[in-house]
Amino acid sequence: MSRASASPPPTNRYFGDSRCRSIWHWQLIIAFTTVAIAVGVAALSPERFSDWRFSVSVILIVAITMATLSIPWHRLGRAAVLAVPVLDALLIGLIVAGRTPAGSFLWVFPVAWVATYFRTVALVGMLSLIAGIELVILLTSGVTVQATMELPISVVALCFVGVIMSVGSTRNRSSRRLLSAQSDRLAHALERVQFQKARNLRVLDALDIGAARVSPGGAIEVASAVFRRLYALDSASNLHPARAVEYRTRRGEAVPASETTISRAGRGELLQDEVVWLFGVDGRWRALRASTKAIDPDDADDGLLLRVEDVTESIDPRAGEDAVRRSITHELRNPLTAVLGHVELLLERDDLDAAARRQLDVVEHAGARMEQLIDRALSVPGARDDDADEPFDLADIAFASVDGFTPAADASGVTVEVRLFEDLPVCGDAFRLRQVVDNVLGNAIKFAQRGGRVIVQGHREDTGGVQLLVTDNGIGIADDDLPRIFEREFRTELARQRGIPGTGLGLSISRDIVMSEGGRPEVTSELGQGTSVSIVLPTFDADRERMPA
């Protein structure tokens, strides 16, 4: 490979790049200064414009500047660029020859230009050119003592300016090369770190147990796939609480946010095979055996390794039965789908008698009913335990949810105000409804954003139900998006534009859970003003009819 093909010439650049901008920069400085001198001359001694050398020089410098802005410099070499300050120096010489002493200061700019971007040879040539012009002016205008003394002083001053600019430019280029080399090394080191982190994460994902690195502040820095699945973690923020809720016993008391295994690991507590119950977003109970271990005993800032193992089947016999039920139910779907497909094909035939068609209609209706039962058994919101209908206080659920989200709200700069002054008695699945409250409150904090406010309040209705209302003063929802917020995986356009993380599943799942409990969700919102989400449920002593999920 030739040297030319290995690295393209530096002049092969795009119009308007840094090289072009530097040419424009220096030429505009010369033009503006020249015009400023011309304005001063016009105001103080306009008779100088009668000298063609002065007026023509000013006009030509402006013309060169306009040409400089239109020439595609990326197609020209360095010699063409050097011609511009050389022409400027010649024209400045005409200005000086036109008996405008202030014009001699303009020579500083072409000297500085050449010293900054060209080699020492070009700088010496520029200084020699200016010295020659001044010598010619001296000889043609008459040799005097004062003019003779000014000539070497002017040349020496310009030499000093040129040397200072050349040395500074050289140092700047060296610094840029050094910074570029350091940046490349840092980028390479960061790439290696990211590769190592990705490899370590793949190792964690290969484990059949959950593992996570918890920082001293309680943030989950790295988590395996099993851990993320168990705790329903997403990549939105490692400060938000897990969507799966921990309990001390199955269907027992919820663990306070400050006492969860993640919070305890964040405080540096060492756990050994402690069992905690986890109620996941899929409506299933899981018993987890949790342990923690110091990553580096000599450095507490490294945090702890939190390890969790699903031991549900060994602790709860019902878990195995539930898994078998789900497996059988799932396997029934395929043959049932085949049966219904063939029944539809038979019903499309024209040679069936009325009796056979009636019998096939019965089979089709029975198959459709079985399909509905299978879908209900496999659906997340519809999966209810036999002992799910129990009385509880919805206000207690709300207080526990607020307690769990307080660290996330504080980190986001959101104020959560609770106005729950009475009991909200409900009969149903408290654990599923805790998911609903968590989803609604989490959304309110997320969309309120920094400096926002979230209000949680509740009351009993005159119709015999209870209402829990969560209001935020966040970004709100557009009128066109409001009818679709309960659609599965739907996210508003404004949330996508602002990069607010989410999956669009929370409200859909919450709606199904609330309706399965015989209640109704209501949402009102105004764009830019905030959103109110209302959860209305019947009290435990009220007659109610469950609505289909």
Protein backbone atom coordinates (compact mmCIF):
# COMPACT_ATOMS: atom_id res chain seq x y z
CA MET A 1 0.00 0.00 0.00
CA SER A 2 1.38 3.39 -0.98
CA ARG A 3 1.84 6.14 1.54
CA ALA A 4 -0.71 8.31 -0.26
CA SER A 5 -3.36 5.63 -0.06
CA ALA A 6 -2.58 4.83 3.55
CA SER A 7 -3.36 8.35 4.77
CA PRO A 8 -5.31 10.92 2.75
CA PRO A 9 -3.72 14.35 2.34
CA PRO A 10 -4.67 16.89 4.98
CA THR A 11 -6.22 19.14 2.33
CA ASN A 12 -8.86 16.55 1.44
CA ARG A 13 -11.47 17.86 3.85
CA TYR A 14 -14.99 19.12 3.73
CA PHE A 15 -15.98 22.69 2.99
CA GLY A 16 -16.68 24.49 6.24
CA ASP A 17 -14.44 22.32 8.44
CA SER A 18 -11.99 23.60 11.06
CA ARG A 19 -9.39 24.44 8.41
CA CYS A 20 -11.84 26.66 6.50
CA ARG A 21 -13.06 28.27 9.69
CA SER A 22 -9.50 29.23 10.71
CA ILE A 23 -8.97 30.93 7.33
CA TRP A 24 -12.25 32.82 7.70
CA HIS A 25 -11.37 33.74 11.26
CA TRP A 26 -8.04 35.42 10.43
CA GLN A 27 -9.22 37.11 7.25
CA LEU A 28 -12.34 38.52 8.95
CA ILE A 29 -10.15 39.95 11.72
CA ILE A 30 -7.98 41.73 9.13
CA ALA A 31 -11.04 42.99 7.23
CA PHE A 32 -12.88 44.26 10.33
CA THR A 33 -9.78 46.05 11.62
CA THR A 34 -9.14 47.61 8.22
CA VAL A 35 -12.74 48.80 7.94
CA ALA A 36 -12.55 50.19 11.49
CA ILE A 37 -9.42 52.19 10.54
CA ALA A 38 -11.18 53.38 7.38
CA VAL A 39 -14.17 54.56 9.43
CA GLY A 40 -11.83 56.41 11.78
CA VAL A 41 -10.04 58.01 8.84
CA ALA A 42 -13.37 59.04 7.30
CA ALA A 43 -14.37 60.70 10.55
CA LEU A 44 -11.06 62.43 11.35
CA SER A 45 -9.27 63.04 8.05
CA PRO A 46 -11.48 62.14 5.07
CA GLU A 47 -9.01 63.76 2.67
CA ARG A 48 -6.89 60.60 2.87
CA PHE A 49 -9.45 58.81 0.70
CA SER A 50 -8.23 60.97 -2.14
CA ASP A 51 -5.04 58.88 -2.12
CA TRP A 52 -5.78 55.93 -4.39
CA ARG A 53 -3.41 53.68 -2.44
CA PHE A 54 -5.51 53.92 0.71
CA SER A 55 -8.96 53.61 -0.84
CA VAL A 56 -8.00 50.85 -3.29
CA SER A 57 -6.29 48.84 -0.53
CA VAL A 58 -9.37 48.96 1.72
CA ILE A 59 -11.63 47.91 -1.17
CA LEU A 60 -9.32 45.05 -2.20
CA ILE A 61 -9.02 43.72 1.37
CA VAL A 62 -12.83 43.61 1.62
CA ALA A 63 -12.99 41.88 -1.78
CA ILE A 64 -10.38 39.31 -0.73
CA THR A 65 -12.38 38.64 2.43
CA MET A 66 -15.55 37.99 0.43
CA ALA A 67 -13.64 35.68 -1.88
CA THR A 68 -12.12 33.89 1.10
CA LEU A 69 -15.61 33.06 2.41
CA SER A 70 -16.67 31.53 -0.92
CA ILE A 71 -13.55 29.60 -1.98
CA PRO A 72 -13.69 25.79 -1.31
CA TRP A 73 -10.44 25.62 0.64
CA HIS A 74 -10.69 21.87 1.11
CA ARG A 75 -9.74 21.50 -2.56
CA LEU A 76 -6.67 23.75 -2.37
CA GLY A 77 -3.23 23.22 -0.92
CA ARG A 78 -1.29 25.11 1.71
CA ALA A 79 0.38 27.37 -0.87
CA ALA A 80 -3.01 28.79 -1.90
CA VAL A 81 -3.83 29.50 1.72
CA LEU A 82 -0.45 31.22 2.27
CA ALA A 83 -1.21 33.52 -0.66
CA VAL A 84 -4.01 35.18 1.32
CA PRO A 85 -1.89 36.67 4.15
CA VAL A 86 0.79 37.56 1.60
CA LEU A 87 -1.77 39.59 -0.40
CA ASP A 88 -2.99 41.16 2.83
CA ALA A 89 0.57 42.19 3.71
CA LEU A 90 1.04 43.80 0.28
CA LEU A 91 -2.23 45.71 0.56
CA ILE A 92 -1.38 46.83 4.10
CA GLY A 93 1.87 48.12 2.63
CA LEU A 94 -0.18 50.28 0.23
CA ILE A 95 -2.19 51.61 3.18
CA VAL A 96 1.01 52.54 5.00
CA ALA A 97 2.42 54.08 1.80
CA GLY A 98 -0.77 56.16 1.60
CA ARG A 99 0.44 58.04 4.67
CA THR A 100 -1.77 56.21 7.19
CA PRO A 101 0.63 55.38 10.05
CA ALA A 102 -1.99 53.37 11.99
CA GLY A 103 -2.03 50.94 9.09
CA SER A 104 1.35 49.56 10.11
CA PHE A 105 -0.31 47.84 13.09
CA LEU A 106 -2.29 45.69 10.64
CA TRP A 107 0.89 43.76 9.80
CA VAL A 108 0.55 42.02 13.17
CA PHE A 109 -2.36 39.94 11.83
CA PRO A 110 -0.77 38.32 8.77
CA VAL A 111 2.38 37.70 10.81
CA ALA A 112 0.36 36.01 13.58
CA TRP A 113 -1.61 34.05 10.98
CA VAL A 114 1.51 32.68 9.28
CA ALA A 115 3.24 31.98 12.61
CA THR A 116 0.25 29.98 13.85
CA TYR A 117 -0.40 27.70 10.89
CA PHE A 118 2.81 27.59 8.82
CA ARG A 119 6.42 26.56 9.27
CA THR A 120 9.29 28.81 10.34
CA VAL A 121 10.40 29.27 6.72
CA ALA A 122 7.05 30.84 5.83
CA LEU A 123 7.27 33.10 8.89
CA VAL A 124 10.77 34.26 7.93
CA GLY A 125 9.52 34.90 4.42
CA MET A 126 6.58 36.97 5.70
CA LEU A 127 8.83 39.05 7.97
CA SER A 128 11.28 39.57 5.11
CA LEU A 129 8.44 40.68 2.84
CA ILE A 130 7.21 43.23 5.35
CA ALA A 131 10.75 44.49 5.99
CA GLY A 132 11.26 44.90 2.25
CA ILE A 133 7.95 46.78 1.86
CA GLU A 134 8.86 49.12 4.70
CA LEU A 135 12.31 49.69 3.19
CA VAL A 136 10.77 50.57 -0.19
CA ILE A 137 8.33 52.96 1.50
CA LEU A 138 11.23 54.56 3.37
CA LEU A 139 13.26 55.06 0.22
CA THR A 140 10.36 56.38 -1.86
CA SER A 141 8.92 58.70 0.77
CA GLY A 142 12.25 60.16 1.82
CA VAL A 143 14.84 59.05 4.33
CA THR A 144 14.52 60.73 7.70
CA VAL A 145 16.02 60.00 11.09
CA GLN A 146 12.64 59.18 12.63
CA ALA A 147 11.55 56.92 9.77
CA THR A 148 14.92 55.18 9.79
CA MET A 149 14.59 54.44 13.52
CA GLU A 150 11.00 53.22 13.17
CA LEU A 151 11.93 50.64 10.53
CA PRO A 152 14.07 48.29 12.69
CA ILE A 153 11.81 48.80 15.71
CA SER A 154 8.79 47.76 13.68
CA VAL A 155 10.56 44.72 12.21
CA VAL A 156 11.86 43.61 15.62
CA ALA A 157 8.37 43.97 17.16
CA LEU A 158 6.85 41.90 14.38
CA CYS A 159 9.59 39.28 14.83
CA PHE A 160 8.78 39.12 18.52
CA VAL A 161 5.07 38.67 17.77
CA GLY A 162 5.83 35.98 15.21
CA VAL A 163 8.14 34.04 17.53
CA ILE A 164 5.64 34.17 20.42
CA MET A 165 2.78 32.99 18.18
CA SER A 166 4.93 30.26 16.61
CA VAL A 167 6.10 28.89 19.96
CA GLY A 168 2.58 29.04 21.40
CA SER A 169 1.13 27.31 18.36
CA THR A 170 3.75 24.58 18.55
CA ARG A 171 2.98 24.00 22.20
CA ASN A 172 -0.75 23.92 21.51
CA ARG A 173 -0.29 21.33 18.79
CA SER A 174 1.89 19.24 21.08
CA SER A 175 -0.70 19.50 23.85
CA ARG A 176 -3.48 18.46 21.46
CA ARG A 177 -1.48 15.46 20.30
CA LEU A 178 -0.79 14.51 23.91
CA LEU A 179 -4.43 14.91 24.87
CA SER A 180 -5.51 12.93 21.83
CA ALA A 181 -3.12 10.11 22.74
CA GLN A 182 -4.33 10.15 26.35
CA SER A 183 -7.95 10.19 25.16
CA ASP A 184 -7.27 7.17 22.94
CA ARG A 185 -5.69 5.33 25.87
CA LEU A 186 -8.62 6.19 28.13
CA ALA A 187 -11.09 5.10 25.48
CA HIS A 188 -9.21 1.83 25.07
CA ALA A 189 -9.13 1.31 28.84
CA LEU A 190 -12.86 2.08 29.07
CA GLU A 191 -13.54 -0.37 26.28
CA ARG A 192 -11.60 -3.05 28.15
CA VAL A 193 -13.50 -2.28 31.36
CA GLN A 194 -16.84 -2.47 29.55
CA PHE A 195 -15.82 -5.73 27.89
CA GLN A 196 -14.77 -7.16 31.24
CA LYS A 197 -18.02 -5.97 32.83
CA ALA A 198 -20.06 -7.55 30.03
CA ARG A 199 -18.12 -10.80 30.39
CA ASN A 200 -18.66 -10.84 34.15
CA LEU A 201 -22.37 -10.18 33.59
CA ARG A 202 -22.55 -13.10 31.16
CA VAL A 203 -20.98 -15.29 33.82
CA LEU A 204 -23.57 -14.10 36.34
CA ASP A 205 -26.39 -14.70 33.86
CA ALA A 206 -25.21 -18.29 33.42
CA LEU A 207 -25.83 -19.03 37.11
CA ASP A 208 -29.11 -20.62 38.16
CA ILE A 209 -29.22 -18.44 41.28
CA GLY A 210 -29.74 -14.71 41.61
CA ALA A 211 -26.70 -12.56 42.33
CA ALA A 212 -26.29 -8.78 42.56
CA ARG A 213 -23.67 -6.30 43.64
CA VAL A 214 -25.19 -3.83 46.10
CA SER A 215 -23.38 -0.55 46.77
CA PRO A 216 -23.14 0.94 50.29
CA GLY A 217 -26.00 3.29 49.37
CA GLY A 218 -28.33 0.41 48.50
CA ALA A 219 -28.10 0.80 44.73
CA ILE A 220 -27.96 -2.35 42.61
CA GLU A 221 -24.94 -1.86 40.38
CA VAL A 222 -24.82 -5.25 38.64
CA ALA A 223 -27.43 -8.01 38.75
CA SER A 224 -27.75 -11.38 37.08
CA ALA A 225 -30.67 -12.30 34.84
CA VAL A 226 -32.20 -14.53 37.52
CA PHE A 227 -32.01 -11.73 40.10
CA ARG A 228 -33.59 -9.22 37.73
CA ARG A 229 -36.37 -11.66 36.87
CA LEU A 230 -37.15 -12.51 40.50
CA TYR A 231 -37.28 -8.89 41.64
CA ALA A 232 -38.77 -7.60 38.36
CA LEU A 233 -35.97 -5.07 37.96
CA ASP A 234 -35.58 -2.98 34.85
CA SER A 235 -32.74 -0.78 33.65
CA ALA A 236 -34.58 2.48 34.35
CA SER A 237 -32.90 3.25 37.65
CA ASN A 238 -31.01 1.27 40.23
CA LEU A 239 -32.44 3.49 42.96
CA HIS A 240 -36.09 2.60 42.44
CA PRO A 241 -37.47 -0.19 44.59
CA ALA A 242 -38.01 -3.60 43.08
CA ARG A 243 -41.49 -4.18 41.71
CA ALA A 244 -41.61 -7.51 43.52
CA VAL A 245 -42.51 -7.05 47.22
CA GLU A 246 -40.88 -8.94 50.07
CA TYR A 247 -42.91 -10.47 52.93
CA ARG A 248 -41.84 -12.11 56.16
CA THR A 249 -44.10 -15.13 55.54
CA ARG A 250 -46.33 -16.27 52.71
CA ARG A 251 -49.36 -13.96 52.72
CA GLY A 252 -47.95 -12.41 55.89
CA GLU A 253 -46.67 -8.96 56.80
CA ALA A 254 -44.81 -6.93 54.20
CA VAL A 255 -41.17 -6.21 54.97
CA PRO A 256 -40.56 -2.46 55.46
CA ALA A 257 -38.43 -0.84 52.79
CA SER A 258 -35.60 -0.28 55.25
CA GLU A 259 -35.53 -3.99 56.16
CA THR A 260 -35.57 -5.63 52.74
CA THR A 261 -32.62 -7.80 51.81
CA ILE A 262 -31.41 -5.17 49.33
CA SER A 263 -31.55 -2.39 51.94
CA ARG A 264 -29.78 -4.54 54.52
CA ALA A 265 -27.09 -5.43 52.00
CA GLY A 266 -26.70 -1.72 51.28
CA ARG A 267 -26.03 -1.13 54.99
CA GLY A 268 -23.34 -3.79 54.94
CA GLU A 269 -25.24 -6.43 56.97
CA LEU A 270 -24.00 -9.98 56.52
CA LEU A 271 -26.85 -12.45 55.97
CA GLN A 272 -26.60 -16.20 55.99
CA ASP A 273 -29.35 -18.33 54.41
CA GLU A 274 -32.22 -16.11 55.59
CA VAL A 275 -35.58 -16.98 54.03
CA VAL A 276 -37.83 -14.24 52.70
CA TRP A 277 -41.04 -14.50 50.70
CA LEU A 278 -41.33 -12.58 47.46
CA PHE A 279 -44.59 -11.74 45.71
CA GLY A 280 -43.74 -11.16 42.04
CA VAL A 281 -45.45 -9.20 39.31
CA ASP A 282 -46.65 -12.49 37.84
CA GLY A 283 -48.80 -13.08 40.92
CA ARG A 284 -46.67 -15.95 42.24
CA TRP A 285 -45.20 -16.45 45.68
CA ARG A 286 -41.55 -17.43 45.90
CA ALA A 287 -39.47 -18.33 48.91
CA LEU A 288 -35.92 -17.03 48.58
CA ARG A 289 -32.87 -17.97 50.61
CA ALA A 290 -30.68 -14.86 50.83
CA SER A 291 -27.02 -14.50 51.78
CA THR A 292 -24.52 -11.67 51.53
CA LYS A 293 -20.76 -11.67 51.26
CA ALA A 294 -18.17 -8.90 51.21
CA ILE A 295 -16.59 -8.47 47.79
CA ASP A 296 -13.41 -6.99 49.25
CA PRO A 297 -13.09 -7.33 53.05
CA ASP A 298 -10.53 -4.50 53.07
CA ASP A 299 -12.65 -2.03 51.09
CA ALA A 300 -16.16 -1.33 52.34
CA ASP A 301 -16.87 0.90 49.33
CA ASP A 302 -16.99 -2.17 47.09
CA GLY A 303 -20.31 -3.14 48.65
CA LEU A 304 -21.66 -6.64 49.14
CA LEU A 305 -22.57 -9.53 46.90
CA LEU A 306 -26.22 -10.45 47.49
CA ARG A 307 -27.07 -14.04 46.55
CA VAL A 308 -30.67 -15.33 46.44
CA GLU A 309 -31.88 -18.81 45.62
CA ASP A 310 -35.45 -19.87 44.85
CA VAL A 311 -36.32 -22.57 47.40
CA THR A 312 -40.09 -22.37 47.03
CA GLU A 313 -40.68 -26.01 46.14
CA SER A 314 -38.71 -27.27 49.12
CA ILE A 315 -40.59 -25.00 51.55
CA ASP A 316 -44.11 -24.77 50.10
CA PRO A 317 -45.66 -27.98 48.68
CA ARG A 318 -48.30 -25.85 46.96
CA ALA A 319 -45.65 -24.32 44.72
CA GLY A 320 -44.97 -27.63 42.97
CA GLU A 321 -48.66 -28.21 42.48
CA ASP A 322 -49.07 -24.75 41.03
CA ALA A 323 -46.19 -25.32 38.61
CA VAL A 324 -47.69 -28.63 37.50
CA ARG A 325 -51.07 -26.97 37.04
CA ARG A 326 -49.59 -24.25 34.90
CA SER A 327 -47.63 -26.75 32.83
CA ILE A 328 -50.65 -28.95 32.21
CA THR A 329 -52.83 -25.97 31.40
CA HIS A 330 -50.28 -24.69 28.93
CA GLU A 331 -49.93 -28.08 27.24
CA LEU A 332 -53.72 -28.32 26.81
CA ARG A 333 -53.73 -25.24 24.60
CA ASN A 334 -52.07 -26.79 21.54
CA PRO A 335 -54.36 -29.83 21.03
CA LEU A 336 -57.42 -27.70 21.83
CA THR A 337 -56.38 -25.18 19.17
CA ALA A 338 -56.05 -28.03 16.66
CA VAL A 339 -59.50 -29.38 17.54
CA LEU A 340 -61.15 -25.97 17.13
CA GLY A 341 -59.36 -25.41 13.83
CA HIS A 342 -60.68 -28.65 12.36
CA VAL A 343 -64.19 -27.93 13.66
CA GLU A 344 -64.14 -24.57 11.84
CA LEU A 345 -63.06 -26.31 8.63
CA LEU A 346 -65.91 -28.83 8.95
CA LEU A 347 -68.45 -26.07 9.57
CA GLU A 348 -67.40 -24.41 6.30
CA ARG A 349 -68.47 -27.46 4.29
CA ASP A 350 -71.72 -27.25 2.36
CA ASP A 351 -72.58 -30.98 2.48
CA LEU A 352 -73.22 -31.13 6.27
CA ASP A 353 -76.72 -32.01 7.39
CA ALA A 354 -78.45 -29.97 10.07
CA ALA A 355 -77.89 -32.54 12.86
CA ALA A 356 -74.13 -32.78 12.23
CA ARG A 357 -73.87 -28.98 12.09
CA ARG A 358 -75.67 -28.66 15.46
CA GLN A 359 -73.31 -31.19 17.02
CA LEU A 360 -70.26 -29.37 15.65
CA ASP A 361 -71.63 -26.09 17.00
CA VAL A 362 -71.83 -27.68 20.44
CA VAL A 363 -68.22 -28.87 20.14
CA GLU A 364 -67.09 -25.43 18.99
CA HIS A 365 -68.82 -23.64 21.86
CA ALA A 366 -67.45 -26.12 24.40
CA GLY A 367 -63.93 -25.75 22.94
CA ALA A 368 -64.18 -21.96 23.01
CA ARG A 369 -65.25 -22.14 26.65
CA MET A 370 -62.28 -24.38 27.49
CA GLU A 371 -59.98 -21.97 25.67
CA GLN A 372 -61.28 -19.12 27.81
CA LEU A 373 -60.70 -21.14 30.97
CA ILE A 374 -57.13 -21.92 29.89
CA ASP A 375 -56.43 -18.26 29.09
CA ARG A 376 -57.83 -17.24 32.48
CA ALA A 377 -55.72 -19.84 34.27
CA LEU A 378 -52.58 -18.69 32.51
CA SER A 379 -53.25 -14.95 32.70
CA VAL A 380 -51.28 -13.01 35.30
CA PRO A 381 -54.10 -10.92 36.82
CA GLY A 382 -56.48 -13.81 37.05
CA ALA A 383 -54.16 -16.06 38.99
CA ARG A 384 -55.68 -15.89 42.47
CA ASP A 385 -55.02 -17.97 45.53
CA ASP A 386 -57.85 -19.80 47.23
CA ASP A 387 -57.45 -17.61 50.33
CA ALA A 388 -57.15 -14.35 48.39
CA ASP A 389 -60.47 -12.91 49.65
CA GLU A 390 -59.52 -11.51 53.04
CA PRO A 391 -60.37 -8.19 54.70
CA PHE A 392 -57.59 -5.60 54.95
CA ASP A 393 -57.07 -1.87 55.12
CA LEU A 394 -56.16 -0.28 51.80
CA ALA A 395 -54.69 2.67 53.71
CA ASP A 396 -52.11 0.34 55.28
CA ILE A 397 -51.17 -0.86 51.79
CA ALA A 398 -50.75 2.77 50.68
CA PHE A 399 -48.60 3.65 53.70
CA ALA A 400 -46.35 0.64 53.04
CA SER A 401 -46.01 1.57 49.38
CA VAL A 402 -45.09 5.17 50.22
CA ASP A 403 -42.52 3.90 52.69
CA GLY A 404 -40.98 1.75 49.97
CA PHE A 405 -40.83 4.56 47.43
CA THR A 406 -39.53 7.27 49.77
CA PRO A 407 -35.84 6.70 48.88
CA ALA A 408 -36.66 6.85 45.16
CA ALA A 409 -38.71 10.03 45.66
CA ASP A 410 -35.92 11.68 47.66
CA ALA A 411 -33.35 10.76 45.02
CA SER A 412 -35.60 12.21 42.30
CA GLY A 413 -36.32 15.41 44.24
CA VAL A 414 -40.03 14.63 44.49
CA THR A 415 -42.11 15.36 47.59
CA VAL A 416 -44.69 12.72 48.55
CA GLU A 417 -47.53 13.94 50.77
CA VAL A 418 -49.89 11.42 52.41
CA ARG A 419 -53.43 12.44 53.37
CA LEU A 420 -54.93 9.24 54.68
CA PHE A 421 -57.00 10.02 57.77
CA GLU A 422 -59.44 7.09 57.85
CA ASP A 423 -59.53 3.36 57.34
CA LEU A 424 -60.23 2.05 53.85
CA PRO A 425 -61.61 -1.46 54.50
CA VAL A 426 -61.44 -3.79 51.49
CA CYS A 427 -61.88 -7.51 50.98
CA GLY A 428 -59.74 -9.10 48.31
CA ASP A 429 -56.19 -9.96 47.37
CA ALA A 430 -54.07 -7.49 49.32
CA PHE A 431 -50.88 -8.62 47.64
CA ARG A 432 -52.13 -8.01 44.12
CA LEU A 433 -53.54 -4.65 45.13
CA ARG A 434 -50.17 -3.73 46.62
CA GLN A 435 -48.82 -4.18 43.09
CA VAL A 436 -51.45 -1.78 41.81
CA VAL A 437 -50.57 0.89 44.37
CA ASP A 438 -46.85 0.42 43.67
CA ASN A 439 -47.40 0.82 39.92
CA VAL A 440 -49.51 3.96 40.32
CA LEU A 441 -47.25 5.59 42.91
CA GLY A 442 -44.09 4.68 40.98
CA ASN A 443 -45.51 6.28 37.84
CA ALA A 444 -46.51 9.42 39.75
CA ILE A 445 -42.98 9.87 41.13
CA LYS A 446 -41.40 9.13 37.76
CA PHE A 447 -43.54 11.61 35.81
CA ALA A 448 -43.58 14.31 38.50
CA GLN A 449 -39.82 14.66 37.96
CA ARG A 450 -37.43 16.78 40.02
CA GLY A 451 -39.11 19.40 42.14
CA GLY A 452 -42.56 17.84 41.70
CA ARG A 453 -45.16 16.81 44.26
CA VAL A 454 -47.21 13.65 44.66
CA ILE A 455 -50.29 13.51 46.91
CA VAL A 456 -51.76 10.23 48.15
CA GLN A 457 -55.21 10.49 49.66
CA GLY A 458 -58.24 8.30 50.23
CA HIS A 459 -61.78 8.31 51.56
CA ARG A 460 -64.92 6.23 51.81
CA GLU A 461 -67.58 6.83 49.21
CA ASP A 462 -71.27 7.25 49.92
CA THR A 463 -72.00 4.37 47.55
CA GLY A 464 -70.31 1.89 49.89
CA GLY A 465 -66.86 1.79 48.32
CA VAL A 466 -63.45 3.23 49.03
CA GLN A 467 -61.28 5.42 46.84
CA LEU A 468 -57.50 5.79 46.79
CA LEU A 469 -56.35 8.81 44.78
CA VAL A 470 -52.75 9.44 43.68
CA THR A 471 -52.15 12.88 42.14
CA ASP A 472 -48.98 14.39 40.68
CA ASN A 473 -48.15 17.75 39.13
CA GLY A 474 -45.94 16.26 36.44
CA ILE A 475 -45.90 16.34 32.65
CA GLY A 476 -49.47 15.11 32.25
CA ILE A 477 -51.04 13.14 29.39
CA ALA A 478 -52.25 14.50 26.06
CA ASP A 479 -55.94 14.20 25.24
CA ASP A 480 -55.19 11.90 22.29
CA ASP A 481 -53.17 9.53 24.49
CA LEU A 482 -55.52 9.43 27.48
CA PRO A 483 -57.99 6.87 26.05
CA ARG A 484 -55.12 4.46 25.31
CA ILE A 485 -53.20 4.47 28.61
CA PHE A 486 -54.65 1.10 29.69
CA GLU A 487 -53.52 -0.58 26.47
CA ARG A 488 -50.77 -3.12 26.93
CA GLU A 489 -47.28 -1.75 26.19
CA PHE A 490 -48.65 1.69 25.28
CA ARG A 491 -46.48 4.69 26.17
CA THR A 492 -47.32 8.33 25.56
CA GLU A 493 -45.47 10.27 22.91
CA LEU A 494 -44.28 12.85 25.45
CA ALA A 495 -42.75 10.15 27.67
CA ARG A 496 -40.84 8.71 24.71
CA GLN A 497 -39.63 12.14 23.59
CA ARG A 498 -38.28 12.97 27.06
CA GLY A 499 -36.60 9.59 27.40
CA ILE A 500 -38.59 8.62 30.52
CA PRO A 501 -38.07 4.87 30.96
CA GLY A 502 -40.91 2.40 31.15
CA THR A 503 -42.53 -0.65 29.53
CA GLY A 504 -46.15 0.43 29.23
CA LEU A 505 -47.34 -2.63 31.18
CA GLY A 506 -47.97 -1.19 34.66
CA LEU A 507 -51.34 0.45 34.10
CA SER A 508 -52.60 -2.41 31.94
CA ILE A 509 -51.83 -4.98 34.65
CA SER A 510 -53.18 -2.67 37.36
CA ARG A 511 -56.46 -2.18 35.49
CA ASP A 512 -56.95 -5.93 35.17
CA ILE A 513 -56.21 -6.52 38.85
CA VAL A 514 -58.56 -3.77 40.02
CA MET A 515 -61.37 -5.03 37.79
CA SER A 516 -60.83 -8.61 38.95
CA GLU A 517 -61.40 -7.29 42.49
CA GLY A 518 -64.72 -5.78 41.47
CA GLY A 519 -63.41 -2.23 41.30
CA ARG A 520 -62.62 0.32 38.63
CA PRO A 521 -59.62 2.52 37.80
CA GLU A 522 -60.11 6.12 36.70
CA VAL A 523 -57.54 8.51 35.24
CA THR A 524 -57.82 12.23 34.64
CA SER A 525 -54.97 14.33 33.30
CA GLU A 526 -54.07 17.65 31.74
CA LEU A 527 -50.98 18.11 29.64
CA GLY A 528 -48.33 20.04 31.55
CA GLN A 529 -50.42 20.14 34.73
CA GLY A 530 -50.34 16.60 36.10
CA THR A 531 -52.30 13.37 36.42
CA SER A 532 -54.72 11.87 38.94
CA VAL A 533 -55.22 8.11 39.16
CA SER A 534 -58.17 6.88 41.20
CA ILE A 535 -58.62 3.30 42.45
CA VAL A 536 -62.22 2.63 43.50
CA LEU A 537 -62.95 -0.65 45.30
CA PRO A 538 -65.97 -2.04 47.16
CA THR A 539 -65.68 -2.34 50.92
CA PHE A 540 -65.38 -5.84 52.37
CA ASP A 541 -68.94 -5.74 53.78
CA ALA A 542 -70.58 -4.54 50.57
CA ASP A 543 -72.28 -6.81 48.09
CA ARG A 544 -70.32 -6.78 44.86
CA GLU A 545 -70.19 -8.55 41.56
CA ARG A 546 -66.77 -9.20 40.09
CA MET A 547 -66.13 -7.72 36.71
CA PRO A 548 -64.31 -9.85 34.12
CA ALA A 549 -60.56 -9.27 33.87
